[in-house]
Amino acid sequence: QIASAVQVSSTMAIDALAKQMKADGVDVIGFGAGE
C-alpha cells in the first residue's frame, strides 16, 4: 500500500516530456528540471 501510494515526480515528468518532444524534432525550451 505504501509503495502504491507514491506519486510520480511532477518535475521529472515535465522534463521527460520536454526531452521526448525535443527528440521528436520540436523546438522546446526546458525550464523544468533543477539541473
PDB file of all heavy atoms in Angstrom:
ATOM      1  N   GLN A   1       0.818  -1.207   0.000  1.00  0.00           N
ATOM      2  CA  GLN A   1       0.000   0.000   0.000  1.00  0.00           C
ATOM      3  C   GLN A   1       0.856   1.264   0.000  1.00  0.00           C
ATOM      4  O   GLN A   1       0.554   2.232  -0.709  1.00  0.00           O
ATOM      5  CB  GLN A   1      -0.936  -0.008   1.208  1.00  0.00           C
ATOM      6  CG  GLN A   1      -2.014  -1.068   1.144  1.00  0.00           C
ATOM      7  CD  GLN A   1      -2.926  -1.047   2.361  1.00  0.00           C
ATOM      8  OE1 GLN A   1      -2.704  -0.277   3.289  1.00  0.00           O
ATOM      9  NE2 GLN A   1      -3.937  -1.893   2.366  1.00  0.00           N
ATOM     10  N   ILE A   2       1.927   1.268   0.794  1.00  0.00           N
ATOM     11  CA  ILE A   2       2.771   2.459   0.858  1.00  0.00           C
ATOM     12  C   ILE A   2       3.406   2.724  -0.497  1.00  0.00           C
ATOM     13  O   ILE A   2       3.407   3.847  -1.007  1.00  0.00           O
ATOM     14  CB  ILE A   2       3.853   2.312   1.947  1.00  0.00           C
ATOM     15  CG1 ILE A   2       3.211   2.386   3.339  1.00  0.00           C
ATOM     16  CG2 ILE A   2       4.926   3.389   1.799  1.00  0.00           C
ATOM     17  CD1 ILE A   2       4.191   2.206   4.485  1.00  0.00           C
ATOM     18  N   ALA A   3       3.949   1.684  -1.127  1.00  0.00           N
ATOM     19  CA  ALA A   3       4.603   1.853  -2.424  1.00  0.00           C
ATOM     20  C   ALA A   3       3.608   2.271  -3.500  1.00  0.00           C
ATOM     21  O   ALA A   3       3.905   3.111  -4.358  1.00  0.00           O
ATOM     22  CB  ALA A   3       5.307   0.562  -2.829  1.00  0.00           C
ATOM     23  N   SER A   4       2.423   1.698  -3.465  1.00  0.00           N
ATOM     24  CA  SER A   4       1.419   2.003  -4.483  1.00  0.00           C
ATOM     25  C   SER A   4       0.911   3.428  -4.380  1.00  0.00           C
ATOM     26  O   SER A   4       0.412   3.989  -5.362  1.00  0.00           O
ATOM     27  CB  SER A   4       0.244   1.027  -4.360  1.00  0.00           C
ATOM     28  OG  SER A   4       0.670  -0.304  -4.558  1.00  0.00           O
ATOM     29  N   ALA A   5       1.032   4.024  -3.204  1.00  0.00           N
ATOM     30  CA  ALA A   5       0.530   5.380  -2.997  1.00  0.00           C
ATOM     31  C   ALA A   5       1.518   6.453  -3.453  1.00  0.00           C
ATOM     32  O   ALA A   5       1.157   7.624  -3.542  1.00  0.00           O
ATOM     33  CB  ALA A   5       0.192   5.597  -1.526  1.00  0.00           C
ATOM     34  N   VAL A   6       2.748   6.076  -3.763  1.00  0.00           N
ATOM     35  CA  VAL A   6       3.759   7.051  -4.160  1.00  0.00           C
ATOM     36  C   VAL A   6       3.435   7.586  -5.550  1.00  0.00           C
ATOM     37  O   VAL A   6       3.160   6.819  -6.478  1.00  0.00           O
ATOM     38  CB  VAL A   6       5.169   6.416  -4.150  1.00  0.00           C
ATOM     39  CG1 VAL A   6       6.199   7.411  -4.686  1.00  0.00           C
ATOM     40  CG2 VAL A   6       5.535   5.982  -2.740  1.00  0.00           C
ATOM     41  N   GLN A   7       3.464   8.908  -5.687  1.00  0.00           N
ATOM     42  CA  GLN A   7       3.127   9.566  -6.944  1.00  0.00           C
ATOM     43  C   GLN A   7       4.388   9.878  -7.749  1.00  0.00           C
ATOM     44  O   GLN A   7       5.467  10.071  -7.190  1.00  0.00           O
ATOM     45  CB  GLN A   7       2.369  10.866  -6.680  1.00  0.00           C
ATOM     46  CG  GLN A   7       1.081  10.677  -5.895  1.00  0.00           C
ATOM     47  CD  GLN A   7       0.063   9.851  -6.654  1.00  0.00           C
ATOM     48  OE1 GLN A   7      -0.227  10.120  -7.817  1.00  0.00           O
ATOM     49  NE2 GLN A   7      -0.471   8.824  -6.002  1.00  0.00           N
ATOM     50  N   VAL A   8       4.242   9.951  -9.067  1.00  0.00           N
ATOM     51  CA  VAL A   8       5.359  10.307  -9.931  1.00  0.00           C
ATOM     52  C   VAL A   8       5.780  11.746  -9.670  1.00  0.00           C
ATOM     53  O   VAL A   8       4.943  12.594  -9.330  1.00  0.00           O
ATOM     54  CB  VAL A   8       4.987  10.110 -11.420  1.00  0.00           C
ATOM     55  CG1 VAL A   8       3.911  11.104 -11.844  1.00  0.00           C
ATOM     56  CG2 VAL A   8       6.212  10.245 -12.316  1.00  0.00           C
ATOM     57  N   SER A   9       7.079  12.031  -9.779  1.00  0.00           N
ATOM     58  CA  SER A   9       7.583  13.387  -9.596  1.00  0.00           C
ATOM     59  C   SER A   9       7.125  14.268 -10.749  1.00  0.00           C
ATOM     60  O   SER A   9       7.385  13.963 -11.916  1.00  0.00           O
ATOM     61  CB  SER A   9       9.117  13.372  -9.527  1.00  0.00           C
ATOM     62  OG  SER A   9       9.633  14.681  -9.668  1.00  0.00           O
ATOM     63  N   SER A  10       6.449  15.378 -10.433  1.00  0.00           N
ATOM     64  CA  SER A  10       5.959  16.265 -11.490  1.00  0.00           C
ATOM     65  C   SER A  10       7.117  16.927 -12.238  1.00  0.00           C
ATOM     66  O   SER A  10       7.026  17.170 -13.438  1.00  0.00           O
ATOM     67  CB  SER A  10       5.030  17.332 -10.894  1.00  0.00           C
ATOM     68  OG  SER A  10       5.693  18.074  -9.889  1.00  0.00           O
ATOM     69  N   THR A  11       8.227  17.209 -11.535  1.00  0.00           N
ATOM     70  CA  THR A  11       9.368  17.825 -12.209  1.00  0.00           C
ATOM     71  C   THR A  11       9.995  16.847 -13.201  1.00  0.00           C
ATOM     72  O   THR A  11      10.352  17.213 -14.318  1.00  0.00           O
ATOM     73  CB  THR A  11      10.423  18.281 -11.188  1.00  0.00           C
ATOM     74  OG1 THR A  11      10.806  17.174 -10.368  1.00  0.00           O
ATOM     75  CG2 THR A  11       9.893  19.391 -10.325  1.00  0.00           C
ATOM     76  N   MET A  12      10.130  15.591 -12.799  1.00  0.00           N
ATOM     77  CA  MET A  12      10.710  14.597 -13.695  1.00  0.00           C
ATOM     78  C   MET A  12       9.778  14.305 -14.869  1.00  0.00           C
ATOM     79  O   MET A  12      10.228  14.081 -15.999  1.00  0.00           O
ATOM     80  CB  MET A  12      11.014  13.309 -12.928  1.00  0.00           C
ATOM     81  CG  MET A  12      12.131  13.443 -11.915  1.00  0.00           C
ATOM     82  SD  MET A  12      13.725  13.822 -12.676  1.00  0.00           S
ATOM     83  CE  MET A  12      14.149  15.338 -11.832  1.00  0.00           C
ATOM     84  N   ALA A  13       8.477  14.320 -14.619  1.00  0.00           N
ATOM     85  CA  ALA A  13       7.510  14.043 -15.690  1.00  0.00           C
ATOM     86  C   ALA A  13       7.557  15.121 -16.758  1.00  0.00           C
ATOM     87  O   ALA A  13       7.562  14.835 -17.965  1.00  0.00           O
ATOM     88  CB  ALA A  13       6.104  13.928 -15.089  1.00  0.00           C
ATOM     89  N   ILE A  14       7.601  16.393 -16.326  1.00  0.00           N
ATOM     90  CA  ILE A  14       7.675  17.501 -17.282  1.00  0.00           C
ATOM     91  C   ILE A  14       8.986  17.445 -18.059  1.00  0.00           C
ATOM     92  O   ILE A  14       9.022  17.626 -19.285  1.00  0.00           O
ATOM     93  CB  ILE A  14       7.546  18.849 -16.551  1.00  0.00           C
ATOM     94  CG1 ILE A  14       6.101  19.051 -16.057  1.00  0.00           C
ATOM     95  CG2 ILE A  14       7.959  20.008 -17.448  1.00  0.00           C
ATOM     96  CD1 ILE A  14       5.100  19.341 -17.146  1.00  0.00           C
ATOM     97  N   ASP A  15      10.080  17.178 -17.351  1.00  0.00           N
ATOM     98  CA  ASP A  15      11.384  17.117 -18.013  1.00  0.00           C
ATOM     99  C   ASP A  15      11.425  15.993 -19.040  1.00  0.00           C
ATOM    100  O   ASP A  15      11.952  16.168 -20.149  1.00  0.00           O
ATOM    101  CB  ASP A  15      12.480  16.919 -16.960  1.00  0.00           C
ATOM    102  CG  ASP A  15      13.878  17.055 -17.547  1.00  0.00           C
ATOM    103  OD1 ASP A  15      14.153  18.083 -18.178  1.00  0.00           O
ATOM    104  OD2 ASP A  15      14.687  16.127 -17.374  1.00  0.00           O
ATOM    105  N   ALA A  16      10.851  14.847 -18.688  1.00  0.00           N
ATOM    106  CA  ALA A  16      10.834  13.716 -19.621  1.00  0.00           C
ATOM    107  C   ALA A  16      10.013  14.040 -20.868  1.00  0.00           C
ATOM    108  O   ALA A  16      10.407  13.697 -21.994  1.00  0.00           O
ATOM    109  CB  ALA A  16      10.277  12.482 -18.922  1.00  0.00           C
ATOM    110  N   LEU A  17       8.864  14.707 -20.680  1.00  0.00           N
ATOM    111  CA  LEU A  17       8.016  15.061 -21.820  1.00  0.00           C
ATOM    112  C   LEU A  17       8.729  16.061 -22.730  1.00  0.00           C
ATOM    113  O   LEU A  17       8.693  15.928 -23.963  1.00  0.00           O
ATOM    114  CB  LEU A  17       6.695  15.650 -21.318  1.00  0.00           C
ATOM    115  CG  LEU A  17       5.700  16.106 -22.396  1.00  0.00           C
ATOM    116  CD1 LEU A  17       5.352  14.969 -23.337  1.00  0.00           C
ATOM    117  CD2 LEU A  17       4.441  16.678 -21.744  1.00  0.00           C
ATOM    118  N   ALA A  18       9.386  17.051 -22.131  1.00  0.00           N
ATOM    119  CA  ALA A  18      10.104  18.047 -22.925  1.00  0.00           C
ATOM    120  C   ALA A  18      11.231  17.400 -23.724  1.00  0.00           C
ATOM    121  O   ALA A  18      11.433  17.718 -24.905  1.00  0.00           O
ATOM    122  CB  ALA A  18      10.657  19.137 -22.013  1.00  0.00           C
ATOM    123  N   LYS A  19      11.957  16.476 -23.086  1.00  0.00           N
ATOM    124  CA  LYS A  19      13.054  15.798 -23.783  1.00  0.00           C
ATOM    125  C   LYS A  19      12.534  14.928 -24.917  1.00  0.00           C
ATOM    126  O   LYS A  19      13.165  14.823 -25.979  1.00  0.00           O
ATOM    127  CB  LYS A  19      13.861  14.964 -22.787  1.00  0.00           C
ATOM    128  CG  LYS A  19      14.741  15.811 -21.873  1.00  0.00           C
ATOM    129  CD  LYS A  19      15.492  14.977 -20.846  1.00  0.00           C
ATOM    130  CE  LYS A  19      16.389  15.854 -19.990  1.00  0.00           C
ATOM    131  NZ  LYS A  19      17.070  15.095 -18.909  1.00  0.00           N
ATOM    132  N   GLN A  20      11.363  14.308 -24.724  1.00  0.00           N
ATOM    133  CA  GLN A  20      10.779  13.497 -25.788  1.00  0.00           C
ATOM    134  C   GLN A  20      10.365  14.370 -26.964  1.00  0.00           C
ATOM    135  O   GLN A  20      10.575  14.013 -28.126  1.00  0.00           O
ATOM    136  CB  GLN A  20       9.569  12.726 -25.260  1.00  0.00           C
ATOM    137  CG  GLN A  20       8.915  11.810 -26.287  1.00  0.00           C
ATOM    138  CD  GLN A  20       9.874  10.784 -26.853  1.00  0.00           C
ATOM    139  OE1 GLN A  20      10.500  10.039 -26.096  1.00  0.00           O
ATOM    140  NE2 GLN A  20      10.015  10.730 -28.172  1.00  0.00           N
ATOM    141  N   MET A  21       9.779  15.542 -26.667  1.00  0.00           N
ATOM    142  CA  MET A  21       9.400  16.464 -27.740  1.00  0.00           C
ATOM    143  C   MET A  21      10.632  16.946 -28.506  1.00  0.00           C
ATOM    144  O   MET A  21      10.614  17.047 -29.729  1.00  0.00           O
ATOM    145  CB  MET A  21       8.616  17.649 -27.165  1.00  0.00           C
ATOM    146  CG  MET A  21       7.234  17.276 -26.628  1.00  0.00           C
ATOM    147  SD  MET A  21       6.363  18.653 -25.833  1.00  0.00           S
ATOM    148  CE  MET A  21       5.983  19.682 -27.254  1.00  0.00           C
ATOM    149  N   LYS A  22      11.712  17.224 -27.779  1.00  0.00           N
ATOM    150  CA  LYS A  22      12.956  17.614 -28.445  1.00  0.00           C
ATOM    151  C   LYS A  22      13.462  16.500 -29.342  1.00  0.00           C
ATOM    152  O   LYS A  22      13.907  16.738 -30.466  1.00  0.00           O
ATOM    153  CB  LYS A  22      14.018  17.967 -27.394  1.00  0.00           C
ATOM    154  CG  LYS A  22      13.836  19.312 -26.737  1.00  0.00           C
ATOM    155  CD  LYS A  22      14.996  19.584 -25.776  1.00  0.00           C
ATOM    156  CE  LYS A  22      14.837  20.907 -25.069  1.00  0.00           C
ATOM    157  NZ  LYS A  22      15.957  21.177 -24.136  1.00  0.00           N
ATOM    158  N   ALA A  23      13.399  15.258 -28.832  1.00  0.00           N
ATOM    159  CA  ALA A  23      13.846  14.111 -29.619  1.00  0.00           C
ATOM    160  C   ALA A  23      13.009  13.943 -30.876  1.00  0.00           C
ATOM    161  O   ALA A  23      13.503  13.439 -31.901  1.00  0.00           O
ATOM    162  CB  ALA A  23      13.794  12.847 -28.773  1.00  0.00           C
ATOM    163  N   ASP A  24      11.758  14.381 -30.815  1.00  0.00           N
ATOM    164  CA  ASP A  24      10.864  14.308 -31.975  1.00  0.00           C
ATOM    165  C   ASP A  24      11.040  15.500 -32.921  1.00  0.00           C
ATOM    166  O   ASP A  24      10.276  15.644 -33.882  1.00  0.00           O
ATOM    167  CB  ASP A  24       9.408  14.236 -31.505  1.00  0.00           C
ATOM    168  CG  ASP A  24       9.100  12.940 -30.767  1.00  0.00           C
ATOM    169  OD1 ASP A  24       9.847  11.955 -30.967  1.00  0.00           O
ATOM    170  OD2 ASP A  24       8.125  12.920 -29.990  1.00  0.00           O
ATOM    171  N   GLY A  25      12.004  16.356 -32.617  1.00  0.00           N
ATOM    172  CA  GLY A  25      12.293  17.480 -33.501  1.00  0.00           C
ATOM    173  C   GLY A  25      11.557  18.750 -33.173  1.00  0.00           C
ATOM    174  O   GLY A  25      11.604  19.711 -33.951  1.00  0.00           O
ATOM    175  N   VAL A  26      10.865  18.821 -32.031  1.00  0.00           N
ATOM    176  CA  VAL A  26      10.129  20.019 -31.641  1.00  0.00           C
ATOM    177  C   VAL A  26      11.073  20.964 -30.892  1.00  0.00           C
ATOM    178  O   VAL A  26      11.853  20.531 -30.028  1.00  0.00           O
ATOM    179  CB  VAL A  26       8.921  19.658 -30.748  1.00  0.00           C
ATOM    180  CG1 VAL A  26       8.148  20.918 -30.364  1.00  0.00           C
ATOM    181  CG2 VAL A  26       8.017  18.661 -31.444  1.00  0.00           C
ATOM    182  N   ASP A  27      11.008  22.230 -31.207  1.00  0.00           N
ATOM    183  CA  ASP A  27      11.898  23.225 -30.612  1.00  0.00           C
ATOM    184  C   ASP A  27      11.383  23.658 -29.240  1.00  0.00           C
ATOM    185  O   ASP A  27      10.854  24.758 -29.056  1.00  0.00           O
ATOM    186  CB  ASP A  27      12.018  24.439 -31.545  1.00  0.00           C
ATOM    187  CG  ASP A  27      12.940  25.517 -30.977  1.00  0.00           C
ATOM    188  OD1 ASP A  27      13.822  25.169 -30.177  1.00  0.00           O
ATOM    189  OD2 ASP A  27      12.752  26.704 -31.334  1.00  0.00           O
ATOM    190  N   VAL A  28      11.539  22.779 -28.262  1.00  0.00           N
ATOM    191  CA  VAL A  28      11.072  23.044 -26.904  1.00  0.00           C
ATOM    192  C   VAL A  28      12.226  23.587 -26.063  1.00  0.00           C
ATOM    193  O   VAL A  28      13.360  23.118 -26.160  1.00  0.00           O
ATOM    194  CB  VAL A  28      10.523  21.753 -26.250  1.00  0.00           C
ATOM    195  CG1 VAL A  28      10.255  21.969 -24.769  1.00  0.00           C
ATOM    196  CG2 VAL A  28       9.250  21.315 -26.947  1.00  0.00           C
ATOM    197  N   ILE A  29      11.918  24.582 -25.237  1.00  0.00           N
ATOM    198  CA  ILE A  29      12.894  25.096 -24.271  1.00  0.00           C
ATOM    199  C   ILE A  29      12.466  24.614 -22.883  1.00  0.00           C
ATOM    200  O   ILE A  29      11.324  24.820 -22.478  1.00  0.00           O
ATOM    201  CB  ILE A  29      12.968  26.627 -24.296  1.00  0.00           C
ATOM    202  CG1 ILE A  29      13.326  27.115 -25.704  1.00  0.00           C
ATOM    203  CG2 ILE A  29      14.010  27.133 -23.295  1.00  0.00           C
ATOM    204  CD1 ILE A  29      13.306  28.624 -25.850  1.00  0.00           C
ATOM    205  N   GLY A  30      13.374  23.972 -22.175  1.00  0.00           N
ATOM    206  CA  GLY A  30      13.041  23.380 -20.889  1.00  0.00           C
ATOM    207  C   GLY A  30      13.454  24.233 -19.699  1.00  0.00           C
ATOM    208  O   GLY A  30      14.610  24.646 -19.598  1.00  0.00           O
ATOM    209  N   PHE A  31      12.494  24.522 -18.813  1.00  0.00           N
ATOM    210  CA  PHE A  31      12.763  25.204 -17.556  1.00  0.00           C
ATOM    211  C   PHE A  31      12.249  24.360 -16.392  1.00  0.00           C
ATOM    212  O   PHE A  31      11.862  24.886 -15.357  1.00  0.00           O
ATOM    213  CB  PHE A  31      12.085  26.580 -17.532  1.00  0.00           C
ATOM    214  CG  PHE A  31      12.649  27.562 -18.523  1.00  0.00           C
ATOM    215  CD1 PHE A  31      12.142  27.639 -19.812  1.00  0.00           C
ATOM    216  CD2 PHE A  31      13.696  28.398 -18.177  1.00  0.00           C
ATOM    217  CE1 PHE A  31      12.654  28.535 -20.739  1.00  0.00           C
ATOM    218  CE2 PHE A  31      14.222  29.296 -19.092  1.00  0.00           C
ATOM    219  CZ  PHE A  31      13.705  29.366 -20.382  1.00  0.00           C
ATOM    220  N   GLY A  32      12.246  23.034 -16.602  1.00  0.00           N
ATOM    221  CA  GLY A  32      11.624  22.162 -15.622  1.00  0.00           C
ATOM    222  C   GLY A  32      12.567  21.613 -14.578  1.00  0.00           C
ATOM    223  O   GLY A  32      12.380  21.820 -13.377  1.00  0.00           O
ATOM    224  N   ALA A  33      13.595  20.890 -14.992  1.00  0.00           N
ATOM    225  CA  ALA A  33      14.440  20.179 -14.032  1.00  0.00           C
ATOM    226  C   ALA A  33      15.427  21.120 -13.346  1.00  0.00           C
ATOM    227  O   ALA A  33      15.930  22.072 -13.950  1.00  0.00           O
ATOM    228  CB  ALA A  33      15.197  19.063 -14.731  1.00  0.00           C
ATOM    229  N   GLY A  34      15.717  20.838 -12.078  1.00  0.00           N
ATOM    230  CA  GLY A  34      16.676  21.625 -11.319  1.00  0.00           C
ATOM    231  C   GLY A  34      18.080  21.100 -11.518  1.00  0.00           C
ATOM    232  O   GLY A  34      18.671  20.505 -10.614  1.00  0.00           O
ATOM    233  N   GLU A  35      18.623  21.342 -12.705  1.00  0.00           N
ATOM    234  CA  GLU A  35      19.928  20.791 -13.052  1.00  0.00           C
ATOM    235  C   GLU A  35      20.771  21.866 -13.727  1.00  0.00           C
ATOM    236  O   GLU A  35      20.380  22.397 -14.770  1.00  0.00           O
ATOM    237  CB  GLU A  35      19.744  19.594 -13.982  1.00  0.00           C
ATOM    238  CG  GLU A  35      21.028  18.916 -14.385  1.00  0.00           C
ATOM    239  CD  GLU A  35      20.775  17.613 -15.127  1.00  0.00           C
ATOM    240  OE1 GLU A  35      19.876  17.577 -15.995  1.00  0.00           O
ATOM    241  OE2 GLU A  35      21.476  16.634 -14.835  1.00  0.00           O
TER     242      GLU A  35
END
